[in-house]
Each structure stands twice: as C-alpha cells, then as structure tokens.
Amino acid sequence: MKMQPQFLCDFGNGTYVKCKESDFCKHSDVKWKYNYNLSPGSTSIPNWYEEMGLVCKSSGQKGLIGSINYVGFAICSLIGPRLSDHIGRKKVIIPGLILCILVEAFIIFLCRNFGFLITLFFFYGCTGTCRISLMYLFMQEMTPKKRQPLVGTIVHVVNGITSSMSIIYQRYIYYDWVPY
C-alpha cells in the first residue's frame, strides 16, 4: 500500500544514481525519478506512495494511513453498540455495510488525494464497528448457546485465513496490484 519506492537522483552531473528520499526532499536543485525496475523484490511498484504524493511527506502523515482507521473504529465503537441496543442491530448493521461498500469503492476507484484518503479511512474504521463488532454480536445472539464457542472460533479462523491469503497474494503472486 505505501511501500517506499526506490529513487534515482541526478545531482547535477547528468547521471542518475540510486538515492533516498532525504537526498532530494530538502534540495530542490536535485532532479529525481522513480526507479521502475520491475524485477522481483523491487519496491518500485505503482502504489499509493506515488499516487497519493507521499514523497517528502513526514512520517507522521504517512503513519495516518495505517492509524486513522483505528481512530474511526474506536470513536464509532462508543456509539454503534449502544445505538444498536436501542433501535436494533439490523437497523445499524445494514446502513453500516452500505456505507462500507461505498467507502471501499471510493478508496479503490476514486480516491487520488491524500486528505481524501485519510477521511475515507476514518469512515472505513467507523464501518468496522458494524462489520466486526455488531455483526459478531448479532451472529452470537442467533447461535444456540452451546454452539457459540465453536461458531465464534470458526469465524475468527476464517477471517484470519482470508486476511493472510490476501497479503500473500499481494506480496508474492500479483505484482502490479493497481485495479485500473
């Protein structure tokens, strides 16, 4: 998602050599470009690092991509479960899932701006309350008491396997993961 690419810099002599982000971010006279060497193990693949303009952003700004999701989840976890206790789980889960689909579609197909990405990830974290917490509670409430531990275990194992398979697929099988 935000794997740092390799860079090539021209320090004024007309020859491009490998360099780091710190070599050109503070020096406007240094020409730079991405090193798109498409060999296995190369970190210069088309990804959000380039597309969202993460080059020369602070590590705190880059860290928001991974952490703002949890902020949204935490804030909405204070509201969602209590709201679902009052008006019913389905009335909170279904709009939450619809919002989740819309947010995912915006992230994948329409988001090309860092600020918009951070906003979408916040809302994606909010929908996580519906997708994860409330749906799990709803499932456990509908499961017979003696089967709840088994069903809960199966759900978490399958969730872990699918997440792991996605990571393995993106890392080792499909090199150019950009969907367009």
C-alpha atoms as a PDB file:
ATOM      1  CA  MET A   1       0.000   0.000   0.000  1.00  0.00           C
ATOM      2  CA  LYS A   2       2.636   2.513   0.971  1.00  0.00           C
ATOM      3  CA  MET A   3       5.841   0.611   0.314  1.00  0.00           C
ATOM      4  CA  GLN A   4       8.551   3.155  -0.278  1.00  0.00           C
ATOM      5  CA  PRO A   5       9.847   3.009  -3.832  1.00  0.00           C
ATOM      6  CA  GLN A   6      13.444   3.241  -4.941  1.00  0.00           C
ATOM      7  CA  PHE A   7      14.576   6.558  -6.352  1.00  0.00           C
ATOM      8  CA  LEU A   8      17.119   7.723  -8.884  1.00  0.00           C
ATOM      9  CA  CYS A   9      18.675  11.180  -8.492  1.00  0.00           C
ATOM     10  CA  ASP A  10      20.634  13.486 -10.743  1.00  0.00           C
ATOM     11  CA  PHE A  11      22.849  15.623  -8.516  1.00  0.00           C
ATOM     12  CA  GLY A  12      23.749  17.947 -11.370  1.00  0.00           C
ATOM     13  CA  ASN A  13      26.128  15.798 -13.389  1.00  0.00           C
ATOM     14  CA  GLY A  14      23.505  14.335 -15.780  1.00  0.00           C
ATOM     15  CA  THR A  15      23.776  10.800 -14.396  1.00  0.00           C
ATOM     16  CA  TYR A  16      21.012   9.189 -12.335  1.00  0.00           C
ATOM     17  CA  VAL A  17      22.152   7.163  -9.332  1.00  0.00           C
ATOM     18  CA  LYS A  18      20.223   5.411  -6.575  1.00  0.00           C
ATOM     19  CA  CYS A  19      19.271   7.760  -3.789  1.00  0.00           C
ATOM     20  CA  LYS A  20      16.966   8.195  -0.812  1.00  0.00           C
ATOM     21  CA  GLU A  21      14.024  10.478  -0.275  1.00  0.00           C
ATOM     22  CA  SER A  22      16.083  12.578   2.117  1.00  0.00           C
ATOM     23  CA  ASP A  23      18.578  13.290  -0.681  1.00  0.00           C
ATOM     24  CA  PHE A  24      16.107  15.363  -2.699  1.00  0.00           C
ATOM     25  CA  CYS A  25      13.273  16.466  -0.397  1.00  0.00           C
ATOM     26  CA  LYS A  26      15.282  19.283   1.156  1.00  0.00           C
ATOM     27  CA  HIS A  27      17.220  20.062  -2.010  1.00  0.00           C
ATOM     28  CA  SER A  28      15.088  21.487  -4.805  1.00  0.00           C
ATOM     29  CA  ASP A  29      18.015  21.501  -7.233  1.00  0.00           C
ATOM     30  CA  VAL A  30      18.238  17.684  -7.265  1.00  0.00           C
ATOM     31  CA  LYS A  31      16.288  16.023 -10.077  1.00  0.00           C
ATOM     32  CA  TRP A  32      14.730  12.709  -9.131  1.00  0.00           C
ATOM     33  CA  LYS A  33      12.565   9.974 -10.578  1.00  0.00           C
ATOM     34  CA  TYR A  34      11.216   6.575  -9.572  1.00  0.00           C
ATOM     35  CA  ASN A  35      13.360   3.536 -10.284  1.00  0.00           C
ATOM     36  CA  TYR A  36      10.843   1.298 -12.028  1.00  0.00           C
ATOM     37  CA  ASN A  37      12.969  -1.791 -12.198  1.00  0.00           C
ATOM     38  CA  LEU A  38      10.283  -4.475 -12.452  1.00  0.00           C
ATOM     39  CA  SER A  39      12.445  -7.279 -11.111  1.00  0.00           C
ATOM     40  CA  PRO A  40      11.183  -9.437  -8.227  1.00  0.00           C
ATOM     41  CA  GLY A  41      11.897  -7.824  -4.896  1.00  0.00           C
ATOM     42  CA  SER A  42      11.820  -4.317  -6.323  1.00  0.00           C
ATOM     43  CA  THR A  43       9.872  -1.898  -4.164  1.00  0.00           C
ATOM     44  CA  SER A  44       9.149   0.471  -7.036  1.00  0.00           C
ATOM     45  CA  ILE A  45       5.682  -0.664  -7.998  1.00  0.00           C
ATOM     46  CA  PRO A  46       2.748   1.559  -8.863  1.00  0.00           C
ATOM     47  CA  ASN A  47       1.159   2.145  -5.471  1.00  0.00           C
ATOM     48  CA  TRP A  48      -0.234   4.817  -3.199  1.00  0.00           C
ATOM     49  CA  TYR A  49       3.204   6.097  -2.311  1.00  0.00           C
ATOM     50  CA  GLU A  50       3.436   7.730  -5.701  1.00  0.00           C
ATOM     51  CA  GLU A  51      -0.258   8.201  -6.400  1.00  0.00           C
ATOM     52  CA  MET A  52      -1.119   9.976  -3.139  1.00  0.00           C
ATOM     53  CA  GLY A  53       2.002  12.110  -3.192  1.00  0.00           C
ATOM     54  CA  LEU A  54       3.645  10.582  -0.137  1.00  0.00           C
ATOM     55  CA  VAL A  55       7.094  11.548  -1.362  1.00  0.00           C
ATOM     56  CA  CYS A  56       8.561  14.112   1.051  1.00  0.00           C
ATOM     57  CA  LYS A  57       5.649  13.875   3.500  1.00  0.00           C
ATOM     58  CA  SER A  58       6.505  13.450   7.171  1.00  0.00           C
ATOM     59  CA  SER A  59       6.475  10.019   8.771  1.00  0.00           C
ATOM     60  CA  GLY A  60       3.555  11.195  10.907  1.00  0.00           C
ATOM     61  CA  GLN A  61       1.475  11.945   7.829  1.00  0.00           C
ATOM     62  CA  LYS A  62       2.401   8.607   6.285  1.00  0.00           C
ATOM     63  CA  GLY A  63       1.515   6.872   9.549  1.00  0.00           C
ATOM     64  CA  LEU A  64      -2.001   8.310   9.423  1.00  0.00           C
ATOM     65  CA  ILE A  65      -2.811   5.906   6.594  1.00  0.00           C
ATOM     66  CA  GLY A  66      -2.474   2.966   8.945  1.00  0.00           C
ATOM     67  CA  SER A  67      -3.720   4.518  12.173  1.00  0.00           C
ATOM     68  CA  ILE A  68      -6.708   6.707  11.321  1.00  0.00           C
ATOM     69  CA  ASN A  69      -8.724   3.558  10.643  1.00  0.00           C
ATOM     70  CA  TYR A  70      -8.395   2.602  14.318  1.00  0.00           C
ATOM     71  CA  VAL A  71      -9.359   6.093  15.463  1.00  0.00           C
ATOM     72  CA  GLY A  72     -12.600   5.799  13.489  1.00  0.00           C
ATOM     73  CA  PHE A  73     -13.217   2.315  14.876  1.00  0.00           C
ATOM     74  CA  ALA A  74     -12.638   3.485  18.463  1.00  0.00           C
ATOM     75  CA  ILE A  75     -14.891   6.542  18.179  1.00  0.00           C
ATOM     76  CA  CYS A  76     -17.723   4.673  16.473  1.00  0.00           C
ATOM     77  CA  SER A  77     -17.403   1.806  18.959  1.00  0.00           C
ATOM     78  CA  LEU A  78     -18.661   4.236  21.586  1.00  0.00           C
ATOM     79  CA  ILE A  79     -21.788   4.981  19.539  1.00  0.00           C
ATOM     80  CA  GLY A  80     -22.630   1.924  17.400  1.00  0.00           C
ATOM     81  CA  PRO A  81     -23.215  -0.792  20.017  1.00  0.00           C
ATOM     82  CA  ARG A  82     -25.323   1.468  22.219  1.00  0.00           C
ATOM     83  CA  LEU A  83     -27.352   2.641  19.245  1.00  0.00           C
ATOM     84  CA  SER A  84     -27.916  -0.959  18.128  1.00  0.00           C
ATOM     85  CA  ASP A  85     -29.159  -1.841  21.627  1.00  0.00           C
ATOM     86  CA  HIS A  86     -31.833   0.855  21.328  1.00  0.00           C
ATOM     87  CA  ILE A  87     -33.022   0.600  17.728  1.00  0.00           C
ATOM     88  CA  GLY A  88     -31.962  -2.950  16.815  1.00  0.00           C
ATOM     89  CA  ARG A  89     -28.822  -4.488  15.385  1.00  0.00           C
ATOM     90  CA  LYS A  90     -30.106  -4.799  11.801  1.00  0.00           C
ATOM     91  CA  LYS A  91     -31.026  -1.115  11.663  1.00  0.00           C
ATOM     92  CA  VAL A  92     -27.430  -0.207  12.431  1.00  0.00           C
ATOM     93  CA  ILE A  93     -25.638  -3.047  10.605  1.00  0.00           C
ATOM     94  CA  ILE A  94     -27.330  -2.680   7.205  1.00  0.00           C
ATOM     95  CA  PRO A  95     -26.662   1.068   6.745  1.00  0.00           C
ATOM     96  CA  GLY A  96     -23.150   0.484   8.095  1.00  0.00           C
ATOM     97  CA  LEU A  97     -22.489  -2.196   5.479  1.00  0.00           C
ATOM     98  CA  ILE A  98     -23.871   0.001   2.691  1.00  0.00           C
ATOM     99  CA  LEU A  99     -21.587   2.823   3.855  1.00  0.00           C
ATOM    100  CA  CYS A 100     -18.689   0.340   3.978  1.00  0.00           C
ATOM    101  CA  ILE A 101     -19.243  -0.684   0.347  1.00  0.00           C
ATOM    102  CA  LEU A 102     -19.406   2.954  -0.732  1.00  0.00           C
ATOM    103  CA  VAL A 103     -16.254   3.874   1.190  1.00  0.00           C
ATOM    104  CA  GLU A 104     -14.370   0.892  -0.272  1.00  0.00           C
ATOM    105  CA  ALA A 105     -15.481   1.846  -3.785  1.00  0.00           C
ATOM    106  CA  PHE A 106     -14.310   5.427  -3.248  1.00  0.00           C
ATOM    107  CA  ILE A 107     -10.944   4.225  -1.902  1.00  0.00           C
ATOM    108  CA  ILE A 108     -10.355   1.830  -4.785  1.00  0.00           C
ATOM    109  CA  PHE A 109     -11.721   3.743  -7.749  1.00  0.00           C
ATOM    110  CA  LEU A 110     -11.988   7.460  -6.969  1.00  0.00           C
ATOM    111  CA  CYS A 111      -9.505   8.468  -4.299  1.00  0.00           C
ATOM    112  CA  ARG A 112      -6.408  10.181  -5.673  1.00  0.00           C
ATOM    113  CA  ASN A 113      -5.841  12.697  -2.878  1.00  0.00           C
ATOM    114  CA  PHE A 114      -4.064  12.135   0.445  1.00  0.00           C
ATOM    115  CA  GLY A 115      -6.514  14.172   2.563  1.00  0.00           C
ATOM    116  CA  PHE A 116      -9.495  12.428   1.000  1.00  0.00           C
ATOM    117  CA  LEU A 117      -7.825   9.045   1.619  1.00  0.00           C
ATOM    118  CA  ILE A 118      -7.373   9.826   5.311  1.00  0.00           C
ATOM    119  CA  THR A 119     -11.028  10.885   5.584  1.00  0.00           C
ATOM    120  CA  LEU A 120     -12.189   7.714   3.843  1.00  0.00           C
ATOM    121  CA  PHE A 121     -10.037   5.519   6.088  1.00  0.00           C
ATOM    122  CA  PHE A 122     -11.581   7.192   9.134  1.00  0.00           C
ATOM    123  CA  PHE A 123     -15.062   6.319   7.869  1.00  0.00           C
ATOM    124  CA  TYR A 124     -13.875   2.830   6.949  1.00  0.00           C
ATOM    125  CA  GLY A 125     -12.850   2.427  10.583  1.00  0.00           C
ATOM    126  CA  CYS A 126     -16.315   3.580  11.633  1.00  0.00           C
ATOM    127  CA  THR A 127     -17.899   0.942   9.426  1.00  0.00           C
ATOM    128  CA  GLY A 128     -15.631  -1.610  11.089  1.00  0.00           C
ATOM    129  CA  THR A 129     -17.822  -1.324  14.176  1.00  0.00           C
ATOM    130  CA  CYS A 130     -20.723  -2.657  12.085  1.00  0.00           C
ATOM    131  CA  ARG A 131     -18.702  -5.172  10.095  1.00  0.00           C
ATOM    132  CA  ILE A 132     -16.811  -6.642  13.004  1.00  0.00           C
ATOM    133  CA  SER A 133     -18.343  -5.942  16.387  1.00  0.00           C
ATOM    134  CA  LEU A 134     -22.063  -5.668  15.737  1.00  0.00           C
ATOM    135  CA  MET A 135     -22.251  -8.467  13.178  1.00  0.00           C
ATOM    136  CA  TYR A 136     -20.331 -10.755  15.526  1.00  0.00           C
ATOM    137  CA  LEU A 137     -22.687  -9.910  18.381  1.00  0.00           C
ATOM    138  CA  PHE A 138     -25.707 -10.419  16.140  1.00  0.00           C
ATOM    139  CA  MET A 139     -24.368 -13.783  14.952  1.00  0.00           C
ATOM    140  CA  GLN A 140     -23.676 -14.927  18.507  1.00  0.00           C
ATOM    141  CA  GLU A 141     -27.164 -13.882  19.604  1.00  0.00           C
ATOM    142  CA  MET A 142     -28.685 -16.004  16.811  1.00  0.00           C
ATOM    143  CA  THR A 143     -26.461 -19.041  17.528  1.00  0.00           C
ATOM    144  CA  PRO A 144     -27.587 -21.665  20.071  1.00  0.00           C
ATOM    145  CA  LYS A 145     -25.768 -21.218  23.379  1.00  0.00           C
ATOM    146  CA  LYS A 146     -23.821 -24.493  23.245  1.00  0.00           C
ATOM    147  CA  ARG A 147     -22.524 -23.772  19.696  1.00  0.00           C
ATOM    148  CA  GLN A 148     -21.373 -20.187  20.330  1.00  0.00           C
ATOM    149  CA  PRO A 149     -17.714 -21.024  21.155  1.00  0.00           C
ATOM    150  CA  LEU A 150     -17.346 -23.221  18.061  1.00  0.00           C
ATOM    151  CA  VAL A 151     -19.040 -20.749  15.723  1.00  0.00           C
ATOM    152  CA  GLY A 152     -17.030 -17.837  17.124  1.00  0.00           C
ATOM    153  CA  THR A 153     -13.786 -19.761  16.672  1.00  0.00           C
ATOM    154  CA  ILE A 154     -14.634 -20.697  13.081  1.00  0.00           C
ATOM    155  CA  VAL A 155     -15.464 -17.095  12.223  1.00  0.00           C
ATOM    156  CA  HIS A 156     -12.173 -15.777  13.592  1.00  0.00           C
ATOM    157  CA  VAL A 157     -10.089 -18.529  11.975  1.00  0.00           C
ATOM    158  CA  VAL A 158     -11.688 -17.941   8.567  1.00  0.00           C
ATOM    159  CA  ASN A 159     -11.221 -14.180   8.971  1.00  0.00           C
ATOM    160  CA  GLY A 160      -7.541 -14.683   9.767  1.00  0.00           C
ATOM    161  CA  ILE A 161      -7.012 -17.069   6.854  1.00  0.00           C
ATOM    162  CA  THR A 162      -8.644 -14.751   4.318  1.00  0.00           C
ATOM    163  CA  SER A 163      -6.595 -11.789   5.540  1.00  0.00           C
ATOM    164  CA  SER A 164      -3.400 -13.841   5.348  1.00  0.00           C
ATOM    165  CA  MET A 165      -4.234 -15.120   1.864  1.00  0.00           C
ATOM    166  CA  SER A 166      -4.829 -11.574   0.671  1.00  0.00           C
ATOM    167  CA  ILE A 167      -1.434 -10.499   1.962  1.00  0.00           C
ATOM    168  CA  ILE A 168       0.313 -13.497   0.392  1.00  0.00           C
ATOM    169  CA  TYR A 169      -1.448 -12.882  -2.914  1.00  0.00           C
ATOM    170  CA  GLN A 170      -0.482  -9.208  -2.989  1.00  0.00           C
ATOM    171  CA  ARG A 171       3.098  -9.874  -1.883  1.00  0.00           C
ATOM    172  CA  TYR A 172       4.098 -12.937  -3.897  1.00  0.00           C
ATOM    173  CA  ILE A 173       1.596 -13.622  -6.676  1.00  0.00           C
ATOM    174  CA  TYR A 174       0.217 -10.433  -8.178  1.00  0.00           C
ATOM    175  CA  TYR A 175       2.983  -7.898  -8.707  1.00  0.00           C
ATOM    176  CA  ASP A 176       1.086  -4.956 -10.160  1.00  0.00           C
ATOM    177  CA  TRP A 177      -1.947  -4.751  -7.862  1.00  0.00           C
ATOM    178  CA  VAL A 178      -3.406  -1.473  -9.131  1.00  0.00           C
ATOM    179  CA  PRO A 179      -7.022  -2.229 -10.235  1.00  0.00           C
ATOM    180  CA  TYR A 180      -7.176   0.152 -13.210  1.00  0.00           C
END
